[in-house]
């Protein structure tokens, strides 16, 4: 009788099998880890793009509304009076607008000296459906063109004063809406985007070619507020941040933190004080896990109304 002997794997074969299996497992793990990191970055970039578009649209929309006067006010030559307004969460005290001025700003800063966080103040009147048709009637139903920070439409009876600012929790919009007929007032503060970390503005006045930083405005004027009445364009810039939930590397050419010229000003505008448009995001454990991007642009004051003396 012939016996058949069944033998198992030898020790060498077992070791070879384990090594091969380990190589396969390591390869699969590396592939999955790389894919996960790539997926996280794609998601982070997608979120970054959405935040950029939303924040940019909000800032541009509010600046475009600055100085708006409805049809009835234009016909009656009604302009913006010189006035003071008091905002909560603002350390600069009362905000003063010059006569016929629709914009003013402050270079008060929040946080460390590396962060530039200007405060922009604008004002505009509401409008109504009949304003669009140039009817001289008493109808005050809002037409949806002018709105406050919370998205509430404003009628022609209302004057809005809007405060745009950034603090450690993001980009905020704060408003005071005065109903000039009823003599009432309402205020509100809305967090527009928690991912905005810094924001700055610069202004160009009639007869000027260059933009002036907030701290440089009115430097040649006896009255600090007069130049804001002549503003015909506003340059804005802000930085958005997005978490990636993983370690990323963003460094400047010098190997330090991220450096942005937030308003795209030339080198001659740089200085060591807070009025420079240079912003540096230091390399910290938190910033190494985030990605940053710069958004900037120019809005022209298309709502200018020149009073005929």
Protein backbone atom coordinates (compact mmCIF):
# COMPACT_ATOMS: atom_id res chain seq x y z
CA UNK A 1 0.00 0.00 0.00
CA UNK A 2 1.26 3.41 -0.96
CA UNK A 3 0.98 6.07 1.77
CA UNK A 4 0.60 9.73 0.92
CA UNK A 5 2.15 12.14 3.37
CA UNK A 6 0.57 15.62 3.63
CA UNK A 7 3.10 18.19 4.73
CA UNK A 8 2.51 21.84 5.83
CA UNK A 9 4.42 25.01 4.98
CA UNK A 10 8.01 25.15 5.98
CA UNK A 11 9.28 27.94 8.24
CA UNK A 12 10.95 29.64 5.30
CA UNK A 13 7.73 29.59 3.30
CA UNK A 14 5.82 31.04 6.25
CA UNK A 15 8.33 33.87 6.64
CA UNK A 16 8.21 34.62 2.92
CA UNK A 17 4.41 34.67 3.01
CA UNK A 18 4.37 37.02 5.98
CA UNK A 19 6.82 39.41 4.33
CA UNK A 20 4.81 39.47 1.10
CA UNK A 21 1.55 39.98 3.02
CA UNK A 22 3.15 42.79 5.06
CA UNK A 23 4.33 44.54 1.90
CA UNK A 24 0.85 44.31 0.39
CA UNK A 25 -0.82 45.56 3.59
CA UNK A 26 1.63 48.47 3.91
CA UNK A 27 1.07 49.40 0.28
CA UNK A 28 -2.70 49.32 0.66
CA UNK A 29 -2.51 51.36 3.91
CA UNK A 30 -0.23 53.94 2.30
CA UNK A 31 -2.58 54.22 -0.66
CA UNK A 32 -5.63 54.63 1.58
CA UNK A 33 -3.84 57.19 3.78
CA UNK A 34 -2.72 59.18 0.74
CA UNK A 35 -6.21 59.01 -0.71
CA UNK A 36 -7.70 60.21 2.58
CA UNK A 37 -5.27 63.13 2.75
CA UNK A 38 -6.03 64.05 -0.84
CA UNK A 39 -9.77 63.83 -0.17
CA UNK A 40 -9.41 66.07 2.90
CA UNK A 41 -7.47 68.65 0.90
CA UNK A 42 -10.03 68.57 -1.92
CA UNK A 43 -12.80 69.10 0.62
CA UNK A 44 -10.86 71.89 2.31
CA UNK A 45 -10.21 73.65 -0.99
CA UNK A 46 -13.86 73.28 -1.96
CA UNK A 47 -14.89 74.81 1.36
CA UNK A 48 -12.30 77.55 0.90
CA UNK A 49 -13.71 78.45 -2.52
CA UNK A 50 -17.27 78.56 -1.19
CA UNK A 51 -16.23 80.77 1.73
CA UNK A 52 -14.32 83.09 -0.59
CA UNK A 53 -17.27 83.50 -2.94
CA UNK A 54 -19.80 84.05 -0.15
CA UNK A 55 -17.67 86.52 1.80
CA UNK A 56 -16.65 88.39 -1.35
CA UNK A 57 -20.24 88.66 -2.53
CA UNK A 58 -21.38 90.01 0.84
CA UNK A 59 -18.63 92.61 1.10
CA UNK A 60 -19.13 93.78 -2.50
CA UNK A 61 -22.92 93.95 -2.13
CA UNK A 62 -22.75 96.17 0.93
CA UNK A 63 -20.12 98.48 -0.57
CA UNK A 64 -22.22 98.77 -3.74
CA UNK A 65 -25.20 99.91 -1.64
CA UNK A 66 -23.11 102.61 0.04
CA UNK A 67 -24.41 106.06 -0.83
CA UNK A 68 -27.68 104.88 -2.39
CA UNK A 69 -30.45 107.46 -2.50
CA UNK A 70 -33.84 106.53 -3.85
CA UNK A 71 -35.59 108.41 -6.61
CA UNK A 72 -37.61 110.68 -4.35
CA UNK A 73 -34.55 111.81 -2.42
CA UNK A 74 -32.59 112.50 -5.60
CA UNK A 75 -35.44 114.66 -6.95
CA UNK A 76 -35.70 116.55 -3.67
CA UNK A 77 -31.88 116.95 -3.43
CA UNK A 78 -31.89 115.25 -0.04
CA UNK A 79 -28.33 114.38 0.99
CA UNK A 80 -26.72 112.65 3.94
CA UNK A 81 -26.46 114.87 7.02
CA UNK A 82 -23.44 115.07 9.26
CA UNK A 83 -24.19 112.61 12.06
CA UNK A 84 -22.77 110.45 14.85
CA UNK A 85 -23.72 106.83 15.51
CA UNK A 86 -22.79 104.50 18.37
CA UNK A 87 -22.11 100.82 17.65
CA UNK A 88 -21.74 98.02 20.16
CA UNK A 89 -18.55 95.92 19.96
CA UNK A 90 -16.66 98.93 18.64
CA UNK A 91 -13.95 100.46 20.81
CA UNK A 92 -13.57 103.66 18.80
CA UNK A 93 -16.48 105.46 20.43
CA UNK A 94 -18.96 107.35 18.28
CA UNK A 95 -18.70 106.98 14.51
CA UNK A 96 -18.90 110.37 12.80
CA UNK A 97 -19.90 110.86 9.17
CA UNK A 98 -19.11 114.13 7.40
CA UNK A 99 -21.83 116.02 5.58
CA UNK A 100 -22.89 114.16 2.41
CA UNK A 101 -20.42 111.36 3.18
CA UNK A 102 -21.51 107.75 2.80
CA UNK A 103 -18.36 106.04 4.07
CA UNK A 104 -15.86 106.27 6.89
CA UNK A 105 -13.42 103.81 8.46
CA UNK A 106 -11.15 103.07 11.40
CA UNK A 107 -7.83 101.25 11.68
CA UNK A 108 -8.48 99.92 15.17
CA UNK A 109 -6.94 96.48 15.44
CA UNK A 110 -7.91 93.28 17.23
CA UNK A 111 -5.49 90.63 18.43
CA UNK A 112 -1.77 90.68 17.74
CA UNK A 113 0.07 93.18 15.55
CA UNK A 114 0.23 90.62 12.73
CA UNK A 115 -3.51 90.97 12.16
CA UNK A 116 -4.97 93.93 10.27
CA UNK A 117 -8.66 94.35 10.92
CA UNK A 118 -10.12 97.62 9.69
CA UNK A 119 -13.63 98.73 10.49
CA UNK A 120 -15.71 100.01 7.57
CA UNK A 121 -18.86 102.10 8.08
CA UNK A 122 -21.28 102.88 5.24
CA UNK A 123 -24.77 104.34 5.01
CA UNK A 124 -27.54 104.31 2.45
CA UNK A 125 -31.28 104.83 2.13
CA UNK A 126 -33.90 102.16 1.48
CA UNK A 127 -36.11 102.17 -1.59
CA UNK A 128 -39.53 101.04 -2.73
CA UNK A 129 -41.17 99.46 -5.75
CA UNK A 130 -42.56 102.79 -6.88
CA UNK A 131 -39.12 104.36 -6.74
CA UNK A 132 -38.18 102.05 -9.61
CA UNK A 133 -41.02 103.48 -11.68
CA UNK A 134 -40.35 107.07 -10.62
CA UNK A 135 -43.87 107.50 -9.25
CA UNK A 136 -44.48 110.30 -6.78
CA UNK A 137 -46.77 108.34 -4.46
CA UNK A 138 -46.86 107.41 -0.81
CA UNK A 139 -46.37 103.67 -1.35
CA UNK A 140 -43.39 102.53 0.76
CA UNK A 141 -43.36 98.81 0.06
CA UNK A 142 -39.72 97.69 -0.19
CA UNK A 143 -38.48 96.39 -3.52
CA UNK A 144 -35.78 94.05 -2.23
CA UNK A 145 -32.90 96.04 -3.68
CA UNK A 146 -31.70 97.55 -0.42
CA UNK A 147 -31.33 95.35 2.66
CA UNK A 148 -29.72 95.30 6.08
CA UNK A 149 -27.23 92.82 7.58
CA UNK A 150 -29.95 90.27 8.34
CA UNK A 151 -31.32 90.42 4.79
CA UNK A 152 -34.42 92.43 5.70
CA UNK A 153 -35.49 94.70 2.84
CA UNK A 154 -35.60 98.43 3.53
CA UNK A 155 -38.36 100.84 2.54
CA UNK A 156 -37.76 104.42 1.43
CA UNK A 157 -38.47 105.63 4.96
CA UNK A 158 -35.37 103.92 6.34
CA UNK A 159 -31.71 104.90 6.58
CA UNK A 160 -29.21 102.08 7.17
CA UNK A 161 -25.79 102.51 8.76
CA UNK A 162 -23.72 99.34 8.37
CA UNK A 163 -20.54 98.36 10.21
CA UNK A 164 -18.33 95.66 8.63
CA UNK A 165 -15.58 94.27 10.85
CA UNK A 166 -13.53 91.16 11.64
CA UNK A 167 -12.69 89.80 15.09
CA UNK A 168 -11.45 86.44 16.35
CA UNK A 169 -14.77 84.80 15.47
CA UNK A 170 -14.91 85.97 11.83
CA UNK A 171 -16.50 88.58 9.58
CA UNK A 172 -19.44 90.45 11.10
CA UNK A 173 -22.06 92.84 9.79
CA UNK A 174 -23.69 95.20 12.27
CA UNK A 175 -26.41 97.68 11.38
CA UNK A 176 -28.46 100.53 12.74
CA UNK A 177 -31.66 101.15 10.75
CA UNK A 178 -33.46 104.40 11.48
CA UNK A 179 -37.04 104.91 10.32
CA UNK A 180 -37.08 108.65 9.73
CA UNK A 181 -40.89 108.87 9.49
CA UNK A 182 -41.83 106.76 12.49
CA UNK A 183 -38.84 107.87 14.56
CA UNK A 184 -37.88 104.28 15.41
CA UNK A 185 -34.54 102.49 15.30
CA UNK A 186 -33.42 98.86 15.27
CA UNK A 187 -29.98 97.25 15.54
CA UNK A 188 -28.58 93.81 14.89
CA UNK A 189 -25.24 92.02 14.45
CA UNK A 190 -24.83 89.08 12.08
CA UNK A 191 -21.87 86.74 11.72
CA UNK A 192 -21.39 86.59 7.95
CA UNK A 193 -18.45 84.21 7.73
CA UNK A 194 -16.45 82.60 10.57
CA UNK A 195 -13.53 81.79 8.24
CA UNK A 196 -12.40 85.38 7.57
CA UNK A 197 -9.36 86.26 9.70
CA UNK A 198 -8.22 89.68 8.47
CA UNK A 199 -9.71 92.57 6.49
CA UNK A 200 -8.42 95.92 5.27
CA UNK A 201 -9.65 98.79 3.12
CA UNK A 202 -8.09 101.62 1.13
CA UNK A 203 -9.77 104.64 -0.45
CA UNK A 204 -9.31 106.78 -3.52
CA UNK A 205 -10.68 110.30 -3.62
CA UNK A 206 -11.54 112.59 -6.51
CA UNK A 207 -8.44 113.87 -8.28
CA UNK A 208 -6.24 111.08 -6.91
CA UNK A 209 -4.62 108.15 -8.68
CA UNK A 210 -3.32 106.18 -5.69
CA UNK A 211 -5.36 104.53 -2.95
CA UNK A 212 -4.80 105.62 0.65
CA UNK A 213 -4.82 103.22 3.58
CA UNK A 214 -7.29 103.93 6.37
CA UNK A 215 -4.59 105.42 8.58
CA UNK A 216 -3.39 107.69 5.75
CA UNK A 217 -6.79 109.17 4.94
CA UNK A 218 -7.22 112.91 5.55
CA UNK A 219 -3.52 113.38 6.36
CA UNK A 220 -3.48 116.68 4.42
CA UNK A 221 -6.89 117.89 5.53
CA UNK A 222 -7.63 120.27 8.36
CA UNK A 223 -10.86 118.38 8.89
CA UNK A 224 -10.21 114.66 9.22
CA UNK A 225 -13.59 113.75 7.77
CA UNK A 226 -13.64 115.90 4.64
CA UNK A 227 -11.80 113.49 2.34
CA UNK A 228 -14.29 110.69 2.93
CA UNK A 229 -16.90 112.87 1.21
CA UNK A 230 -14.79 112.70 -1.97
CA UNK A 231 -14.24 108.94 -2.06
CA UNK A 232 -14.96 107.48 -5.49
CA UNK A 233 -13.51 103.96 -5.11
CA UNK A 234 -12.86 101.50 -2.29
CA UNK A 235 -10.21 98.79 -2.45
CA UNK A 236 -10.81 95.84 -0.14
CA UNK A 237 -8.90 92.72 0.84
CA UNK A 238 -9.50 89.89 3.26
CA UNK A 239 -7.98 86.52 4.15
CA UNK A 240 -9.98 83.33 4.55
CA UNK A 241 -8.92 80.29 6.54
CA UNK A 242 -10.04 76.69 6.14
CA UNK A 243 -9.29 73.71 8.38
CA UNK A 244 -7.87 70.62 6.66
CA UNK A 245 -7.85 68.27 9.70
CA UNK A 246 -4.29 67.32 8.81
CA UNK A 247 -0.85 68.83 8.75
CA UNK A 248 -0.11 71.03 5.75
CA UNK A 249 2.87 73.21 4.94
CA UNK A 250 2.45 76.79 3.82
CA UNK A 251 5.59 78.87 4.16
CA UNK A 252 6.89 82.09 2.71
CA UNK A 253 10.00 82.36 0.57
CA UNK A 254 11.99 83.21 3.69
CA UNK A 255 10.83 80.03 5.43
CA UNK A 256 8.72 81.89 8.01
CA UNK A 257 4.98 82.38 8.23
CA UNK A 258 2.64 83.28 5.41
CA UNK A 259 3.01 86.87 4.21
CA UNK A 260 0.30 88.72 2.26
CA UNK A 261 0.03 92.25 0.95
CA UNK A 262 -3.67 92.20 1.56
CA UNK A 263 -4.49 95.20 -0.63
CA UNK A 264 -1.83 94.60 -3.26
CA UNK A 265 -0.14 97.87 -2.39
CA UNK A 266 3.38 98.45 -3.71
CA UNK A 267 6.52 98.27 -1.59
CA UNK A 268 6.56 101.99 -0.99
CA UNK A 269 3.44 101.64 1.12
CA UNK A 270 5.04 99.22 3.54
CA UNK A 271 5.86 100.43 7.02
CA UNK A 272 6.48 98.93 10.40
CA UNK A 273 3.29 100.31 11.92
CA UNK A 274 -0.26 99.03 11.84
CA UNK A 275 -1.11 101.10 8.75
CA UNK A 276 0.88 98.85 6.42
CA UNK A 277 -1.06 96.46 4.21
CA UNK A 278 1.40 93.67 5.00
CA UNK A 279 -0.06 90.77 6.97
CA UNK A 280 1.93 87.85 8.33
CA UNK A 281 0.33 84.63 9.56
CA UNK A 282 2.91 83.01 11.89
CA UNK A 283 3.65 79.31 11.73
CA UNK A 284 1.97 77.75 14.73
CA UNK A 285 0.55 74.31 15.49
CA UNK A 286 -2.89 75.62 14.55
CA UNK A 287 -1.88 77.40 11.34
CA UNK A 288 0.02 74.30 10.12
CA UNK A 289 -3.32 72.50 9.89
CA UNK A 290 -5.07 75.28 7.95
CA UNK A 291 -4.93 76.66 4.43
CA UNK A 292 -5.26 80.38 3.73
CA UNK A 293 -6.19 82.46 0.73
CA UNK A 294 -6.35 86.13 -0.16
CA UNK A 295 -9.34 87.84 -1.78
CA UNK A 296 -9.12 91.44 -2.98
CA UNK A 297 -10.82 93.80 -5.38
CA UNK A 298 -12.04 97.34 -6.06
CA UNK A 299 -15.59 98.68 -5.87
CA UNK A 300 -16.33 101.99 -7.56
CA UNK A 301 -18.73 104.37 -5.88
CA UNK A 302 -21.44 104.27 -8.50
CA UNK A 303 -24.00 105.75 -6.12
CA UNK A 304 -22.25 109.10 -5.92
CA UNK A 305 -24.64 112.03 -6.08
CA UNK A 306 -23.19 115.48 -6.71
CA UNK A 307 -25.21 118.18 -5.08
CA UNK A 308 -25.90 121.24 -7.22
CA UNK A 309 -25.31 124.33 -5.13
